[in-house]
Amino acid sequence: MPYSTLTGKGQITIPKVVRDNLNLKTGDTLYFRLEKGEIKIIPVSKSIEDTYGLLARNK
């Protein structure tokens, strides 16, 4: 299992095997979600502006 170390500035390096598997490139946006004491890192494929209004609001 790939791992990374947190720097003093709160930064991590995503291991190459993970970047390659998810096809991550420089400048890609990642979403961090906290779930039951774990961190899930999710690649964002579109900008917030592109997805605005996509979800309908319940009335």
N, C-alpha and C. Protein backbone atom coordinates (compact mmCIF):
# COMPACT_ATOMS: atom_id res chain seq x y z
N MET A 1 0.85 -1.18 0.00
CA MET A 1 0.00 0.00 0.00
C MET A 1 0.89 1.24 0.00
N PRO A 2 0.66 2.17 -0.93
CA PRO A 2 1.46 3.40 -0.98
C PRO A 2 1.19 4.28 0.24
N TYR A 3 2.19 5.02 0.64
CA TYR A 3 2.04 5.94 1.76
C TYR A 3 2.80 7.23 1.47
N SER A 4 2.52 8.26 2.30
CA SER A 4 3.17 9.55 2.16
C SER A 4 3.33 10.14 3.55
N THR A 5 4.25 11.09 3.69
CA THR A 5 4.51 11.75 4.97
C THR A 5 4.06 13.20 4.90
N LEU A 6 3.39 13.64 5.94
CA LEU A 6 2.92 15.02 6.04
C LEU A 6 4.10 15.93 6.37
N THR A 7 4.26 17.03 5.61
CA THR A 7 5.35 17.98 5.88
C THR A 7 4.93 18.98 6.95
N GLY A 8 5.87 19.78 7.38
CA GLY A 8 5.60 20.83 8.37
C GLY A 8 4.61 21.87 7.88
N LYS A 9 4.46 21.99 6.56
CA LYS A 9 3.50 22.93 5.96
C LYS A 9 2.15 22.27 5.69
N GLY A 10 1.98 21.02 6.14
CA GLY A 10 0.71 20.33 5.94
C GLY A 10 0.54 19.77 4.54
N GLN A 11 1.63 19.57 3.83
CA GLN A 11 1.58 19.07 2.46
C GLN A 11 1.93 17.59 2.41
N ILE A 12 1.39 16.90 1.41
CA ILE A 12 1.75 15.51 1.15
C ILE A 12 2.07 15.36 -0.34
N THR A 13 2.81 14.32 -0.66
CA THR A 13 3.04 13.96 -2.05
C THR A 13 2.19 12.72 -2.32
N ILE A 14 1.37 12.79 -3.35
CA ILE A 14 0.57 11.63 -3.73
C ILE A 14 1.51 10.68 -4.47
N PRO A 15 1.63 9.45 -3.99
CA PRO A 15 2.54 8.50 -4.64
C PRO A 15 2.24 8.33 -6.13
N LYS A 16 3.29 8.12 -6.91
CA LYS A 16 3.17 8.02 -8.37
C LYS A 16 2.19 6.93 -8.79
N VAL A 17 2.22 5.80 -8.12
CA VAL A 17 1.30 4.71 -8.49
C VAL A 17 -0.16 5.15 -8.34
N VAL A 18 -0.46 5.96 -7.35
CA VAL A 18 -1.83 6.48 -7.15
C VAL A 18 -2.15 7.51 -8.22
N ARG A 19 -1.22 8.46 -8.48
CA ARG A 19 -1.44 9.46 -9.52
C ARG A 19 -1.68 8.81 -10.87
N ASP A 20 -0.88 7.82 -11.19
CA ASP A 20 -1.03 7.12 -12.47
C ASP A 20 -2.36 6.39 -12.56
N ASN A 21 -2.73 5.71 -11.48
CA ASN A 21 -3.97 4.94 -11.46
C ASN A 21 -5.19 5.83 -11.63
N LEU A 22 -5.14 7.04 -11.05
CA LEU A 22 -6.28 7.98 -11.15
C LEU A 22 -6.11 8.98 -12.28
N ASN A 23 -5.02 8.84 -13.04
CA ASN A 23 -4.74 9.76 -14.17
C ASN A 23 -4.71 11.21 -13.70
N LEU A 24 -4.06 11.47 -12.56
CA LEU A 24 -3.95 12.82 -12.02
C LEU A 24 -2.79 13.54 -12.69
N LYS A 25 -3.02 14.80 -13.00
CA LYS A 25 -2.02 15.64 -13.65
C LYS A 25 -1.80 16.90 -12.82
N THR A 26 -0.69 17.58 -13.06
CA THR A 26 -0.40 18.85 -12.39
C THR A 26 -1.56 19.82 -12.62
N GLY A 27 -2.01 20.45 -11.56
CA GLY A 27 -3.09 21.42 -11.66
C GLY A 27 -4.48 20.84 -11.44
N ASP A 28 -4.61 19.51 -11.35
CA ASP A 28 -5.91 18.90 -11.08
C ASP A 28 -6.39 19.31 -9.69
N THR A 29 -7.69 19.38 -9.52
CA THR A 29 -8.30 19.74 -8.24
C THR A 29 -8.74 18.46 -7.53
N LEU A 30 -8.48 18.42 -6.23
CA LEU A 30 -8.86 17.28 -5.41
C LEU A 30 -9.78 17.76 -4.29
N TYR A 31 -10.78 16.96 -3.97
CA TYR A 31 -11.73 17.25 -2.91
C TYR A 31 -11.41 16.34 -1.73
N PHE A 32 -11.30 16.91 -0.53
CA PHE A 32 -11.02 16.14 0.68
C PHE A 32 -12.31 16.01 1.49
N ARG A 33 -12.71 14.76 1.75
CA ARG A 33 -13.93 14.52 2.52
C ARG A 33 -13.56 13.72 3.76
N LEU A 34 -14.02 14.19 4.93
CA LEU A 34 -13.80 13.48 6.18
C LEU A 34 -14.98 12.55 6.41
N GLU A 35 -14.67 11.28 6.67
CA GLU A 35 -15.71 10.28 6.83
C GLU A 35 -15.30 9.28 7.90
N LYS A 36 -15.97 9.33 9.05
CA LYS A 36 -15.73 8.38 10.14
C LYS A 36 -14.25 8.28 10.51
N GLY A 37 -13.61 9.42 10.68
CA GLY A 37 -12.21 9.44 11.09
C GLY A 37 -11.21 9.15 9.99
N GLU A 38 -11.68 9.07 8.74
CA GLU A 38 -10.79 8.83 7.60
C GLU A 38 -10.90 9.99 6.62
N ILE A 39 -9.86 10.15 5.82
CA ILE A 39 -9.85 11.17 4.77
C ILE A 39 -10.03 10.47 3.43
N LYS A 40 -11.01 10.92 2.66
CA LYS A 40 -11.17 10.43 1.29
C LYS A 40 -10.77 11.57 0.36
N ILE A 41 -9.91 11.27 -0.59
CA ILE A 41 -9.45 12.27 -1.56
C ILE A 41 -10.08 11.92 -2.89
N ILE A 42 -10.87 12.85 -3.42
CA ILE A 42 -11.65 12.59 -4.62
C ILE A 42 -11.26 13.58 -5.71
N PRO A 43 -10.82 13.09 -6.87
CA PRO A 43 -10.51 14.00 -7.98
C PRO A 43 -11.78 14.71 -8.45
N VAL A 44 -11.67 16.01 -8.68
CA VAL A 44 -12.80 16.79 -9.17
C VAL A 44 -12.62 16.95 -10.67
N SER A 45 -13.58 16.44 -11.43
CA SER A 45 -13.43 16.47 -12.88
C SER A 45 -13.94 17.76 -13.51
N LYS A 46 -14.79 18.47 -12.79
CA LYS A 46 -15.32 19.73 -13.32
C LYS A 46 -15.23 20.80 -12.25
N SER A 47 -15.24 22.06 -12.70
CA SER A 47 -15.20 23.16 -11.75
C SER A 47 -16.57 23.35 -11.11
N ILE A 48 -16.60 24.04 -10.00
CA ILE A 48 -17.86 24.34 -9.31
C ILE A 48 -18.79 25.10 -10.25
N GLU A 49 -18.23 26.02 -11.02
CA GLU A 49 -19.04 26.81 -11.95
C GLU A 49 -19.70 25.91 -13.00
N ASP A 50 -19.00 24.88 -13.45
CA ASP A 50 -19.54 23.97 -14.45
C ASP A 50 -20.69 23.14 -13.91
N THR A 51 -20.67 22.84 -12.61
CA THR A 51 -21.69 21.97 -12.04
C THR A 51 -22.79 22.73 -11.31
N TYR A 52 -22.72 24.05 -11.25
CA TYR A 52 -23.73 24.85 -10.56
C TYR A 52 -25.10 24.58 -11.17
N GLY A 53 -26.07 24.29 -10.31
CA GLY A 53 -27.44 24.06 -10.78
C GLY A 53 -27.69 22.64 -11.23
N LEU A 54 -26.70 21.79 -11.16
CA LEU A 54 -26.85 20.41 -11.62
C LEU A 54 -27.82 19.63 -10.72
N LEU A 55 -27.74 19.87 -9.42
CA LEU A 55 -28.61 19.17 -8.49
C LEU A 55 -29.87 19.99 -8.23
N ALA A 56 -31.02 19.34 -8.36
CA ALA A 56 -32.28 20.02 -8.12
C ALA A 56 -32.53 20.17 -6.62
N ARG A 57 -33.14 21.26 -6.24
CA ARG A 57 -33.46 21.50 -4.84
C ARG A 57 -34.85 20.95 -4.56
N ASN A 58 -34.99 20.26 -3.42
CA ASN A 58 -36.31 19.78 -3.01
C ASN A 58 -37.11 20.92 -2.44
N LYS A 59 -38.34 21.04 -2.88
CA LYS A 59 -39.20 22.14 -2.38
C LYS A 59 -40.25 21.63 -1.45
